[in-house]
């Protein structure tokens, strides 16, 4: 069993200490940081995402795996910066203005980071203008909007309108999700995609950035 296979398995088990040890071992062996990331950490999180989607594991298991992922990423990030290795893409995430619910948004953020994307998490109760500002400042290609209350859903429409007003359509994609939403609503407000859960959000963002 290779160190990368072991790394992926320890991550799936949520073993943060084991992931850190094996990441160090892989670095010591001279493996490239991107190889460790793709074939070890992301490979492990891909399995976690698939098992979560099929209800074989649950949210606490995903959170443990994410914690383990971060333990490895903390060691890899300085090396990736040193080598000039770009991220898979950058996503701005937040719960829309007036909505204080963030469990779903947090889960999507975790799964996106686990898939190798950079996430700028704005938190909850985020005004439309702030999403646009953050996306422009961070050079993000995607804005992810979350809502749990039907009364806050119109704020999503305003974010989409702002991308048009600022001539950012096509440069910044807007994806939406949350319990009261539907694909039809996403189409009605002009969002680029509707994501019904964390796994579909990851698949959608992968498609937007053209990565597998």
Protein backbone atom coordinates (compact mmCIF):
# COMPACT_ATOMS: atom_id res chain seq x y z
CA UNK A 1 0.00 0.00 0.00
CA UNK A 2 1.49 3.32 -1.05
CA UNK A 3 1.73 6.31 1.23
CA UNK A 4 -0.89 8.11 -0.88
CA UNK A 5 -3.34 5.21 -0.58
CA UNK A 6 -2.80 5.16 3.18
CA UNK A 7 -3.25 8.93 3.28
CA UNK A 8 -6.59 8.73 1.47
CA UNK A 9 -7.79 5.96 3.78
CA UNK A 10 -6.80 7.78 6.98
CA UNK A 11 -8.61 10.86 5.73
CA UNK A 12 -11.76 8.83 5.13
CA UNK A 13 -11.48 7.61 8.72
CA UNK A 14 -11.23 11.18 9.99
CA UNK A 15 -7.80 10.53 11.48
CA UNK A 16 -6.25 14.02 11.54
CA UNK A 17 -3.03 12.92 13.26
CA UNK A 18 -2.59 10.05 10.82
CA UNK A 19 -3.18 12.34 7.85
CA UNK A 20 -0.59 14.80 9.13
CA UNK A 21 1.97 12.02 9.66
CA UNK A 22 1.41 10.53 6.22
CA UNK A 23 1.49 13.94 4.55
CA UNK A 24 4.90 14.55 6.16
CA UNK A 25 6.02 11.10 5.02
CA UNK A 26 4.93 11.82 1.45
CA UNK A 27 6.79 15.14 1.50
CA UNK A 28 9.89 13.40 2.86
CA UNK A 29 9.67 10.83 0.06
CA UNK A 30 9.96 13.73 -2.38
CA UNK A 31 6.45 13.52 -3.82
CA UNK A 32 5.25 16.74 -5.41
CA UNK A 33 2.74 18.72 -3.32
CA UNK A 34 0.16 18.63 -6.13
CA UNK A 35 0.44 14.83 -6.34
CA UNK A 36 -0.05 14.52 -2.58
CA UNK A 37 -3.05 16.82 -2.79
CA UNK A 38 -4.72 15.19 -5.80
CA UNK A 39 -3.91 11.52 -5.19
CA UNK A 40 -4.03 11.58 -1.41
CA UNK A 41 -6.20 14.27 0.16
CA UNK A 42 -8.65 15.01 -2.65
CA UNK A 43 -8.90 11.31 -3.54
CA UNK A 44 -9.92 10.60 0.05
CA UNK A 45 -12.45 13.44 0.16
CA UNK A 46 -13.96 12.29 -3.15
CA UNK A 47 -14.80 8.97 -1.50
CA UNK A 48 -16.20 10.78 1.53
CA UNK A 49 -18.41 12.91 -0.73
CA UNK A 50 -19.68 9.88 -2.64
CA UNK A 51 -20.45 7.98 0.56
CA UNK A 52 -22.24 10.99 2.01
CA UNK A 53 -24.31 11.34 -1.15
CA UNK A 54 -25.38 7.68 -0.92
CA UNK A 55 -26.17 8.05 2.82
CA UNK A 56 -23.49 5.57 3.89
CA UNK A 57 -22.04 8.22 6.21
CA UNK A 58 -23.44 11.35 7.83
CA UNK A 59 -22.55 14.96 8.59
CA UNK A 60 -20.34 14.22 11.66
CA UNK A 61 -18.26 11.85 9.51
CA UNK A 62 -17.83 14.53 6.84
CA UNK A 63 -16.75 17.06 9.46
CA UNK A 64 -14.13 14.66 10.85
CA UNK A 65 -12.81 13.98 7.35
CA UNK A 66 -12.65 17.72 6.68
CA UNK A 67 -10.67 18.28 9.87
CA UNK A 68 -8.24 15.60 8.73
CA UNK A 69 -8.05 17.22 5.29
CA UNK A 70 -7.08 20.54 6.84
CA UNK A 71 -4.33 18.83 8.84
CA UNK A 72 -2.73 17.76 5.57
CA UNK A 73 -3.44 21.03 3.78
CA UNK A 74 -1.72 23.02 6.52
CA UNK A 75 1.50 21.19 5.63
CA UNK A 76 1.04 21.37 1.87
CA UNK A 77 -0.10 24.97 1.49
CA UNK A 78 3.34 26.59 2.11
CA UNK A 79 4.91 24.21 -0.41
CA UNK A 80 2.23 24.90 -3.00
CA UNK A 81 2.70 28.65 -2.59
CA UNK A 82 6.46 28.19 -2.89
CA UNK A 83 6.06 26.19 -6.10
CA UNK A 84 3.42 28.55 -7.51
CA UNK A 85 0.80 25.81 -7.79
CA UNK A 86 -2.60 27.38 -8.50
CA UNK A 87 -5.76 26.27 -6.73
CA UNK A 88 -8.51 24.58 -8.69
CA UNK A 89 -10.55 27.78 -8.42
CA UNK A 90 -11.91 30.28 -5.94
CA UNK A 91 -15.50 30.41 -4.66
CA UNK A 92 -17.22 33.09 -2.54
CA UNK A 93 -19.81 31.53 -0.23
CA UNK A 94 -22.40 33.04 2.08
CA UNK A 95 -25.94 32.94 3.44
CA UNK A 96 -27.98 35.80 1.97
CA UNK A 97 -29.07 38.96 3.76
CA UNK A 98 -31.69 38.46 6.46
CA UNK A 99 -30.96 34.76 6.86
CA UNK A 100 -29.01 33.52 9.88
CA UNK A 101 -28.93 29.83 8.94
CA UNK A 102 -25.51 28.56 7.94
CA UNK A 103 -25.29 24.79 8.50
CA UNK A 104 -25.89 23.98 4.83
CA UNK A 105 -23.56 26.72 3.66
CA UNK A 106 -20.84 25.51 6.03
CA UNK A 107 -21.16 21.95 4.75
CA UNK A 108 -20.85 23.08 1.12
CA UNK A 109 -17.79 25.17 2.03
CA UNK A 110 -16.18 22.16 3.71
CA UNK A 111 -16.84 19.92 0.72
CA UNK A 112 -15.54 22.50 -1.74
CA UNK A 113 -12.32 22.88 0.24
CA UNK A 114 -12.07 19.11 0.36
CA UNK A 115 -12.29 19.05 -3.43
CA UNK A 116 -9.33 21.43 -3.66
CA UNK A 117 -11.08 24.77 -4.14
CA UNK A 118 -10.33 27.97 -2.25
CA UNK A 119 -13.39 29.25 -0.40
CA UNK A 120 -13.97 32.82 0.75
CA UNK A 121 -16.66 32.30 3.39
CA UNK A 122 -18.55 35.53 4.11
CA UNK A 123 -20.72 33.95 6.81
CA UNK A 124 -24.43 34.70 7.16
CA UNK A 125 -26.74 37.70 6.65
CA UNK A 126 -24.58 38.90 3.74
CA UNK A 127 -25.82 41.88 1.66
CA UNK A 128 -25.89 41.42 -2.14
CA UNK A 129 -23.25 44.11 -2.69
CA UNK A 130 -20.83 42.31 -0.37
CA UNK A 131 -20.94 39.14 -2.48
CA UNK A 132 -19.99 41.09 -5.59
CA UNK A 133 -17.28 43.05 -3.80
CA UNK A 134 -15.71 39.92 -2.35
CA UNK A 135 -15.79 38.07 -5.68
CA UNK A 136 -14.11 40.94 -7.51
CA UNK A 137 -11.50 41.52 -4.79
CA UNK A 138 -10.59 37.84 -4.53
CA UNK A 139 -10.83 37.16 -8.27
CA UNK A 140 -13.37 34.40 -7.63
CA UNK A 141 -15.07 32.64 -10.51
CA UNK A 142 -18.13 31.52 -8.57
CA UNK A 143 -20.49 33.02 -5.98
CA UNK A 144 -22.45 30.48 -3.93
CA UNK A 145 -25.67 31.73 -2.29
CA UNK A 146 -27.53 29.89 0.46
CA UNK A 147 -30.98 30.56 1.95
CA UNK A 148 -33.30 28.65 4.26
CA UNK A 149 -36.09 31.23 4.52
CA UNK A 150 -38.41 31.99 1.62
CA UNK A 151 -38.47 35.64 2.75
CA UNK A 152 -34.73 35.98 2.06
CA UNK A 153 -34.71 34.35 -1.38
CA UNK A 154 -35.27 37.65 -3.26
CA UNK A 155 -31.79 38.71 -2.13
CA UNK A 156 -30.44 36.04 -4.49
CA UNK A 157 -32.12 37.73 -7.43
CA UNK A 158 -30.42 40.99 -6.49
CA UNK A 159 -26.97 39.35 -6.54
CA UNK A 160 -27.65 38.05 -10.05
CA UNK A 161 -28.88 41.49 -11.11
CA UNK A 162 -25.68 43.07 -9.78
CA UNK A 163 -23.53 40.74 -11.90
CA UNK A 164 -25.43 42.02 -14.93
CA UNK A 165 -25.22 45.66 -13.90
CA UNK A 166 -21.47 45.35 -13.34
CA UNK A 167 -21.04 43.38 -16.59
CA UNK A 168 -19.69 40.39 -14.69
CA UNK A 169 -21.95 37.73 -16.19
CA UNK A 170 -19.84 34.96 -17.66
CA UNK A 171 -16.86 36.05 -15.58
CA UNK A 172 -18.51 35.27 -12.25
CA UNK A 173 -21.07 32.46 -12.09
CA UNK A 174 -23.80 32.47 -9.44
CA UNK A 175 -24.99 29.17 -7.96
CA UNK A 176 -27.80 28.88 -5.42
CA UNK A 177 -29.02 26.34 -2.90
CA UNK A 178 -31.15 25.84 0.19
CA UNK A 179 -34.22 23.95 1.37
CA UNK A 180 -36.93 26.24 -0.11
CA UNK A 181 -35.25 26.60 -3.50
CA UNK A 182 -35.87 24.75 -6.74
CA UNK A 183 -34.29 24.49 -10.16
CA UNK A 184 -37.20 26.51 -11.54
CA UNK A 185 -36.57 29.35 -9.09
CA UNK A 186 -32.87 29.40 -9.97
CA UNK A 187 -33.76 29.67 -13.65
CA UNK A 188 -36.34 32.39 -12.93
CA UNK A 189 -33.81 34.67 -11.20
CA UNK A 190 -31.13 33.98 -13.80
CA UNK A 191 -28.73 32.01 -11.58
CA UNK A 192 -26.21 29.84 -13.40
CA UNK A 193 -27.06 26.70 -11.45
CA UNK A 194 -29.18 25.20 -8.66
CA UNK A 195 -27.41 22.84 -6.25
CA UNK A 196 -29.64 20.67 -4.09
CA UNK A 197 -26.88 19.42 -1.75
CA UNK A 198 -23.16 19.64 -1.03
CA UNK A 199 -22.16 16.95 -3.49
CA UNK A 200 -24.09 18.53 -6.35
CA UNK A 201 -22.49 21.89 -5.47
CA UNK A 202 -19.02 20.37 -5.76
CA UNK A 203 -19.91 18.72 -9.09
CA UNK A 204 -21.31 22.02 -10.35
CA UNK A 205 -18.23 24.02 -9.36
CA UNK A 206 -15.95 21.38 -10.92
CA UNK A 207 -17.90 21.73 -14.15
CA UNK A 208 -17.66 25.53 -14.09
CA UNK A 209 -13.89 25.46 -13.58
CA UNK A 210 -13.43 22.54 -15.99
CA UNK A 211 -11.75 20.18 -13.52
CA UNK A 212 -12.46 16.56 -12.74
